[in-house]
């Protein structure tokens, strides 16, 4: 498919992206890495790349590096949390980025959320807070659908 054309009707638009280095539409599955499973690994550490996780990682990198707020939605078990953790630990350079994860539950209050975020920031001047100078911060809220 040429760059000026949209993907054919046989390919759902969410299953592909425009690969600018090759100047054509590419399926996410074509660039999904093969899983590497060491013999001795904890079950909770197993990560199987899929076309969804490949798409998440691509979008996270593109949106985060350009400072766009991002909201990922999806069914339970679609690897949103694992993709975010891998993105933060393997792609974002720790000398330039800080990471804060907040896990919502039915018992969390707005003041608690505010206190958690405030505690991760430094005061720059009166009324101005932010991550350490020279760094940016990713705040990841997990289980956002909780009350």
Protein backbone atom coordinates (compact mmCIF):
# COMPACT_ATOMS: atom_id res chain seq x y z
CA UNK A 1 0.00 0.00 0.00
CA UNK A 2 1.39 3.39 -0.96
CA UNK A 3 1.87 6.13 1.62
CA UNK A 4 -0.93 8.22 0.13
CA UNK A 5 -3.42 5.34 0.42
CA UNK A 6 -5.20 4.09 3.47
CA UNK A 7 -4.78 0.42 4.36
CA UNK A 8 -6.99 -1.97 2.38
CA UNK A 9 -10.44 -2.78 3.75
CA UNK A 10 -9.22 -6.30 4.53
CA UNK A 11 -6.92 -4.93 7.29
CA UNK A 12 -8.54 -3.24 10.31
CA UNK A 13 -6.97 0.20 10.79
CA UNK A 14 -5.94 -0.64 14.37
CA UNK A 15 -3.94 -3.66 13.19
CA UNK A 16 -1.40 -1.59 11.24
CA UNK A 17 0.61 1.61 11.25
CA UNK A 18 2.35 3.75 8.68
CA UNK A 19 6.01 2.76 8.67
CA UNK A 20 7.72 5.99 7.58
CA UNK A 21 11.14 4.36 7.17
CA UNK A 22 9.69 1.97 4.57
CA UNK A 23 6.99 4.34 3.26
CA UNK A 24 4.18 1.82 3.55
CA UNK A 25 1.58 0.43 5.93
CA UNK A 26 2.84 -2.39 8.15
CA UNK A 27 0.94 -4.79 10.38
CA UNK A 28 1.87 -4.61 14.06
CA UNK A 29 2.28 -8.38 14.04
CA UNK A 30 5.12 -8.08 11.50
CA UNK A 31 7.29 -6.10 13.94
CA UNK A 32 6.26 -7.95 17.11
CA UNK A 33 9.39 -9.53 18.62
CA UNK A 34 9.51 -13.27 19.28
CA UNK A 35 9.22 -14.12 22.99
CA UNK A 36 12.45 -14.97 24.81
CA UNK A 37 11.84 -17.15 27.85
CA UNK A 38 14.80 -18.00 30.05
CA UNK A 39 14.62 -21.46 31.61
CA UNK A 40 14.51 -20.10 35.16
CA UNK A 41 11.90 -17.36 35.29
CA UNK A 42 9.14 -16.51 37.73
CA UNK A 43 5.65 -16.89 36.34
CA UNK A 44 4.78 -13.27 37.15
CA UNK A 45 7.80 -12.08 35.13
CA UNK A 46 6.78 -13.83 31.91
CA UNK A 47 6.13 -11.34 29.14
CA UNK A 48 4.84 -12.53 25.78
CA UNK A 49 4.91 -9.74 23.15
CA UNK A 50 1.74 -9.49 21.09
CA UNK A 51 0.54 -7.08 18.45
CA UNK A 52 -1.26 -5.21 21.26
CA UNK A 53 1.85 -4.83 23.42
CA UNK A 54 3.86 -3.77 20.37
CA UNK A 55 1.27 -1.10 19.62
CA UNK A 56 1.24 0.04 23.29
CA UNK A 57 5.04 0.38 23.37
CA UNK A 58 5.11 2.30 20.07
CA UNK A 59 2.36 4.68 21.22
CA UNK A 60 3.90 5.14 24.67
CA UNK A 61 7.25 6.08 23.20
CA UNK A 62 5.79 8.45 20.61
CA UNK A 63 3.40 10.20 23.00
CA UNK A 64 5.61 10.32 26.11
CA UNK A 65 8.70 11.67 24.37
CA UNK A 66 6.56 14.45 22.88
CA UNK A 67 4.92 15.22 26.28
CA UNK A 68 1.37 14.19 25.40
CA UNK A 69 -0.83 12.98 28.25
CA UNK A 70 -1.89 9.43 27.48
CA UNK A 71 -4.77 7.22 28.59
CA UNK A 72 -4.69 3.51 27.76
CA UNK A 73 -7.97 1.65 27.96
CA UNK A 74 -8.52 -2.04 27.55
CA UNK A 75 -9.92 -5.23 28.92
CA UNK A 76 -8.36 -6.92 31.92
CA UNK A 77 -5.34 -9.00 30.96
CA UNK A 78 -4.31 -7.06 27.84
CA UNK A 79 -0.91 -6.21 29.33
CA UNK A 80 -1.38 -2.49 29.89
CA UNK A 81 0.41 -2.52 33.26
CA UNK A 82 3.20 -4.83 32.11
CA UNK A 83 3.73 -2.74 28.96
CA UNK A 84 3.99 0.45 31.01
CA UNK A 85 6.46 -1.10 33.45
CA UNK A 86 8.61 -2.45 30.60
CA UNK A 87 8.46 0.93 28.86
CA UNK A 88 9.62 2.77 31.95
CA UNK A 89 12.38 0.31 32.85
CA UNK A 90 13.68 -0.50 29.36
CA UNK A 91 13.03 2.51 27.12
CA UNK A 92 12.95 5.68 29.24
CA UNK A 93 16.45 6.69 30.38
CA UNK A 94 16.38 6.86 34.22
CA UNK A 95 18.71 9.87 34.24
CA UNK A 96 15.99 11.89 32.45
CA UNK A 97 12.77 10.36 33.74
CA UNK A 98 11.10 9.56 37.06
CA UNK A 99 8.23 7.10 37.41
CA UNK A 100 5.35 7.13 39.87
CA UNK A 101 2.76 4.36 39.92
CA UNK A 102 -0.51 4.84 41.78
CA UNK A 103 -2.80 1.85 42.14
CA UNK A 104 -6.39 2.85 42.68
CA UNK A 105 -8.68 0.84 44.91
CA UNK A 106 -12.15 1.29 46.30
CA UNK A 107 -10.65 2.75 49.49
CA UNK A 108 -8.42 5.46 48.02
CA UNK A 109 -9.39 9.08 48.61
CA UNK A 110 -8.67 12.15 46.53
CA UNK A 111 -6.47 13.61 49.28
CA UNK A 112 -4.40 10.43 49.31
CA UNK A 113 -3.83 10.64 45.56
CA UNK A 114 -2.83 14.30 45.87
CA UNK A 115 -0.43 13.50 48.72
CA UNK A 116 1.19 10.65 46.76
CA UNK A 117 1.77 12.89 43.74
CA UNK A 118 3.00 15.82 45.87
CA UNK A 119 5.45 13.56 47.71
CA UNK A 120 7.10 12.57 44.42
CA UNK A 121 7.66 16.20 43.36
CA UNK A 122 10.11 18.83 44.56
CA UNK A 123 9.25 22.43 45.33
CA UNK A 124 10.87 24.79 42.83
CA UNK A 125 9.42 28.06 44.11
CA UNK A 126 6.28 29.21 45.84
CA UNK A 127 3.37 27.23 44.42
CA UNK A 128 5.47 25.53 41.71
CA UNK A 129 6.25 21.83 41.98
CA UNK A 130 7.81 19.38 39.56
CA UNK A 131 10.20 16.47 39.23
CA UNK A 132 13.89 17.00 39.96
CA UNK A 133 15.43 19.66 37.73
CA UNK A 134 16.44 18.18 34.39
CA UNK A 135 13.97 15.32 34.66
CA UNK A 136 10.41 14.63 33.58
CA UNK A 137 7.94 12.43 35.43
CA UNK A 138 5.52 9.76 34.28
CA UNK A 139 2.57 9.29 36.63
CA UNK A 140 0.89 5.97 35.95
CA UNK A 141 -2.53 5.37 37.48
CA UNK A 142 -3.53 1.70 37.48
CA UNK A 143 -7.12 0.47 37.83
CA UNK A 144 -8.50 3.88 36.93
CA UNK A 145 -12.05 2.53 36.80
CA UNK A 146 -12.22 2.07 40.56
CA UNK A 147 -14.55 4.44 42.47
